[in-house]
Amino acid sequence: MNIIRIGVIGVGHLGALHAKMLADIPQVRLAGVYDLNPKRAESVAADHHTFAVASLPELLQGVDAVTIARARARTLRPPARHSKQASMSSWRSRLPRQPPKRSNSAVWQT
């Protein structure tokens, strides 16, 4: 079984939930967390036995994928710092525009 190393960018309320859920998946290793608030990142990292990193490039060096958590889901344009984080992680072009219609779909093309 291949283990996927996933990092969490933004560990506020939603990001902490992402970290918790990822830490509970057997096929996933929570490889690290990053937040603009270093104390919050350290706290979430300690709760889930992983690392808090000081910069996005540091996080991106050790992961296969990232999740970007932000609270402003109802806005059409993300805050500037989230856009920067998305473009730095090179995942922006792969982020889905809409949720899948069915949760059991095998392949989800964007």
C-alpha atoms as a PDB file:
ATOM      1  CA  MET A   1       0.000   0.000   0.000  1.00  0.00           C
ATOM      2  CA  ASN A   2       1.407   3.391  -1.013  1.00  0.00           C
ATOM      3  CA  ILE A   3       1.265   6.086   1.629  1.00  0.00           C
ATOM      4  CA  ILE A   4       0.381   9.566   0.367  1.00  0.00           C
ATOM      5  CA  ARG A   5       2.104  12.442   2.159  1.00  0.00           C
ATOM      6  CA  ILE A   6      -0.323  15.354   2.513  1.00  0.00           C
ATOM      7  CA  GLY A   7       0.234  18.786   4.012  1.00  0.00           C
ATOM      8  CA  VAL A   8      -2.336  21.285   5.274  1.00  0.00           C
ATOM      9  CA  ILE A   9      -2.066  24.968   4.414  1.00  0.00           C
ATOM     10  CA  GLY A  10      -4.042  27.070   6.877  1.00  0.00           C
ATOM     11  CA  VAL A  11      -4.913  25.486  10.205  1.00  0.00           C
ATOM     12  CA  GLY A  12      -7.684  27.674  11.525  1.00  0.00           C
ATOM     13  CA  HIS A  13     -10.954  25.972  12.393  1.00  0.00           C
ATOM     14  CA  LEU A  14     -11.415  24.236   9.020  1.00  0.00           C
ATOM     15  CA  GLY A  15      -7.730  23.450   8.554  1.00  0.00           C
ATOM     16  CA  ALA A  16      -7.564  21.816  11.969  1.00  0.00           C
ATOM     17  CA  LEU A  17     -10.476  19.603  10.905  1.00  0.00           C
ATOM     18  CA  HIS A  18      -8.639  18.755   7.663  1.00  0.00           C
ATOM     19  CA  ALA A  19      -5.569  17.783   9.690  1.00  0.00           C
ATOM     20  CA  LYS A  20      -7.653  15.654  12.075  1.00  0.00           C
ATOM     21  CA  MET A  21      -9.399  13.791   9.262  1.00  0.00           C
ATOM     22  CA  LEU A  22      -6.188  13.252   7.288  1.00  0.00           C
ATOM     23  CA  ALA A  23      -4.377  11.961  10.362  1.00  0.00           C
ATOM     24  CA  ASP A  24      -7.092   9.295  10.766  1.00  0.00           C
ATOM     25  CA  ILE A  25      -6.791   7.897   7.217  1.00  0.00           C
ATOM     26  CA  PRO A  26      -4.510   4.817   7.135  1.00  0.00           C
ATOM     27  CA  GLN A  27      -3.261   5.475   3.576  1.00  0.00           C
ATOM     28  CA  VAL A  28      -2.260   9.062   4.402  1.00  0.00           C
ATOM     29  CA  ARG A  29       0.633  10.491   6.376  1.00  0.00           C
ATOM     30  CA  LEU A  30       0.033  14.030   7.569  1.00  0.00           C
ATOM     31  CA  ALA A  31       3.425  15.372   6.515  1.00  0.00           C
ATOM     32  CA  GLY A  32       3.141  18.837   8.017  1.00  0.00           C
ATOM     33  CA  VAL A  33       1.062  21.952   8.517  1.00  0.00           C
ATOM     34  CA  TYR A  34       1.613  25.614   7.683  1.00  0.00           C
ATOM     35  CA  ASP A  35      -0.220  28.673   8.946  1.00  0.00           C
ATOM     36  CA  LEU A  36       0.437  32.402   9.070  1.00  0.00           C
ATOM     37  CA  ASN A  37       0.064  32.053  12.846  1.00  0.00           C
ATOM     38  CA  PRO A  38       3.055  29.901  13.921  1.00  0.00           C
ATOM     39  CA  LYS A  39       1.624  29.213  17.403  1.00  0.00           C
ATOM     40  CA  ARG A  40      -1.585  27.824  15.892  1.00  0.00           C
ATOM     41  CA  ALA A  41       0.429  25.681  13.472  1.00  0.00           C
ATOM     42  CA  GLU A  42       2.524  24.301  16.363  1.00  0.00           C
ATOM     43  CA  SER A  43      -0.596  23.485  18.366  1.00  0.00           C
ATOM     44  CA  VAL A  44      -2.323  21.618  15.531  1.00  0.00           C
ATOM     45  CA  ALA A  45       0.906  19.831  14.613  1.00  0.00           C
ATOM     46  CA  ALA A  46       1.374  18.643  18.202  1.00  0.00           C
ATOM     47  CA  ASP A  47      -2.232  17.410  18.353  1.00  0.00           C
ATOM     48  CA  HIS A  48      -1.702  15.233  15.271  1.00  0.00           C
ATOM     49  CA  HIS A  49       1.923  14.123  15.737  1.00  0.00           C
ATOM     50  CA  THR A  50       3.317  15.998  12.751  1.00  0.00           C
ATOM     51  CA  PHE A  51       5.451  19.063  12.022  1.00  0.00           C
ATOM     52  CA  ALA A  52       4.677  22.762  11.803  1.00  0.00           C
ATOM     53  CA  VAL A  53       6.773  24.340   9.081  1.00  0.00           C
ATOM     54  CA  ALA A  54       7.843  27.967   8.841  1.00  0.00           C
ATOM     55  CA  SER A  55       7.271  28.471   5.107  1.00  0.00           C
ATOM     56  CA  LEU A  56       5.272  27.152   2.171  1.00  0.00           C
ATOM     57  CA  PRO A  57       8.336  26.035   0.198  1.00  0.00           C
ATOM     58  CA  GLU A  58       9.432  23.980   3.206  1.00  0.00           C
ATOM     59  CA  LEU A  59       6.038  22.257   3.361  1.00  0.00           C
ATOM     60  CA  LEU A  60       5.886  21.652  -0.378  1.00  0.00           C
ATOM     61  CA  GLN A  61       9.273  19.903  -0.443  1.00  0.00           C
ATOM     62  CA  GLY A  62       8.007  17.038   1.678  1.00  0.00           C
ATOM     63  CA  VAL A  63       4.501  16.344   0.379  1.00  0.00           C
ATOM     64  CA  ASP A  64       2.732  14.635  -2.503  1.00  0.00           C
ATOM     65  CA  ALA A  65      -0.377  16.817  -2.153  1.00  0.00           C
ATOM     66  CA  VAL A  66      -1.774  19.671  -0.085  1.00  0.00           C
ATOM     67  CA  THR A  67      -5.141  20.813   1.134  1.00  0.00           C
ATOM     68  CA  ILE A  68      -5.746  24.549   1.391  1.00  0.00           C
ATOM     69  CA  ALA A  69      -8.281  25.407   4.083  1.00  0.00           C
ATOM     70  CA  ARG A  70      -9.994  28.759   4.157  1.00  0.00           C
ATOM     71  CA  ALA A  71     -13.089  29.928   5.972  1.00  0.00           C
ATOM     72  CA  ARG A  72     -14.464  32.273   3.310  1.00  0.00           C
ATOM     73  CA  ALA A  73     -16.101  29.624   1.143  1.00  0.00           C
ATOM     74  CA  ARG A  74     -19.000  31.892   0.193  1.00  0.00           C
ATOM     75  CA  THR A  75     -16.798  34.487  -1.501  1.00  0.00           C
ATOM     76  CA  LEU A  76     -16.052  34.173  -5.193  1.00  0.00           C
ATOM     77  CA  ARG A  77     -12.524  35.507  -4.972  1.00  0.00           C
ATOM     78  CA  PRO A  78     -10.225  34.148  -2.243  1.00  0.00           C
ATOM     79  CA  PRO A  79      -8.177  36.569  -0.161  1.00  0.00           C
ATOM     80  CA  ALA A  80      -4.828  37.505  -1.705  1.00  0.00           C
ATOM     81  CA  ARG A  81      -2.779  35.399   0.684  1.00  0.00           C
ATOM     82  CA  HIS A  82      -4.790  32.261  -0.186  1.00  0.00           C
ATOM     83  CA  SER A  83      -4.311  32.911  -3.912  1.00  0.00           C
ATOM     84  CA  LYS A  84      -0.575  33.185  -3.333  1.00  0.00           C
ATOM     85  CA  GLN A  85      -0.577  29.931  -1.370  1.00  0.00           C
ATOM     86  CA  ALA A  86      -2.542  28.157  -4.090  1.00  0.00           C
ATOM     87  CA  SER A  87      -0.257  29.347  -6.869  1.00  0.00           C
ATOM     88  CA  MET A  88       2.869  28.500  -4.865  1.00  0.00           C
ATOM     89  CA  SER A  89       1.674  24.953  -4.400  1.00  0.00           C
ATOM     90  CA  SER A  90       0.990  24.644  -8.147  1.00  0.00           C
ATOM     91  CA  TRP A  91      -2.357  23.057  -7.346  1.00  0.00           C
ATOM     92  CA  ARG A  92      -4.483  26.062  -8.314  1.00  0.00           C
ATOM     93  CA  SER A  93      -5.092  24.761 -11.828  1.00  0.00           C
ATOM     94  CA  ARG A  94      -6.145  21.404 -10.399  1.00  0.00           C
ATOM     95  CA  LEU A  95      -8.570  22.690  -7.784  1.00  0.00           C
ATOM     96  CA  PRO A  96     -12.122  21.665  -8.690  1.00  0.00           C
ATOM     97  CA  ARG A  97     -14.580  24.374  -9.665  1.00  0.00           C
ATOM     98  CA  GLN A  98     -17.614  22.453  -8.391  1.00  0.00           C
ATOM     99  CA  PRO A  99     -18.081  19.518  -6.033  1.00  0.00           C
ATOM    100  CA  PRO A 100     -18.734  16.133  -7.628  1.00  0.00           C
ATOM    101  CA  LYS A 101     -22.360  15.293  -8.357  1.00  0.00           C
ATOM    102  CA  ARG A 102     -21.946  11.845  -6.829  1.00  0.00           C
ATOM    103  CA  SER A 103     -19.546  10.945  -4.043  1.00  0.00           C
ATOM    104  CA  ASN A 104     -18.865   7.494  -5.496  1.00  0.00           C
ATOM    105  CA  SER A 105     -17.529   8.639  -8.885  1.00  0.00           C
ATOM    106  CA  ALA A 106     -14.271   6.885  -9.698  1.00  0.00           C
ATOM    107  CA  VAL A 107     -12.683   9.679 -11.712  1.00  0.00           C
ATOM    108  CA  TRP A 108     -13.277  13.353 -11.263  1.00  0.00           C
ATOM    109  CA  GLN A 109     -12.113  15.534 -14.124  1.00  0.00           C
ATOM    110  CA  THR A 110     -12.016  19.330 -13.730  1.00  0.00           C
END
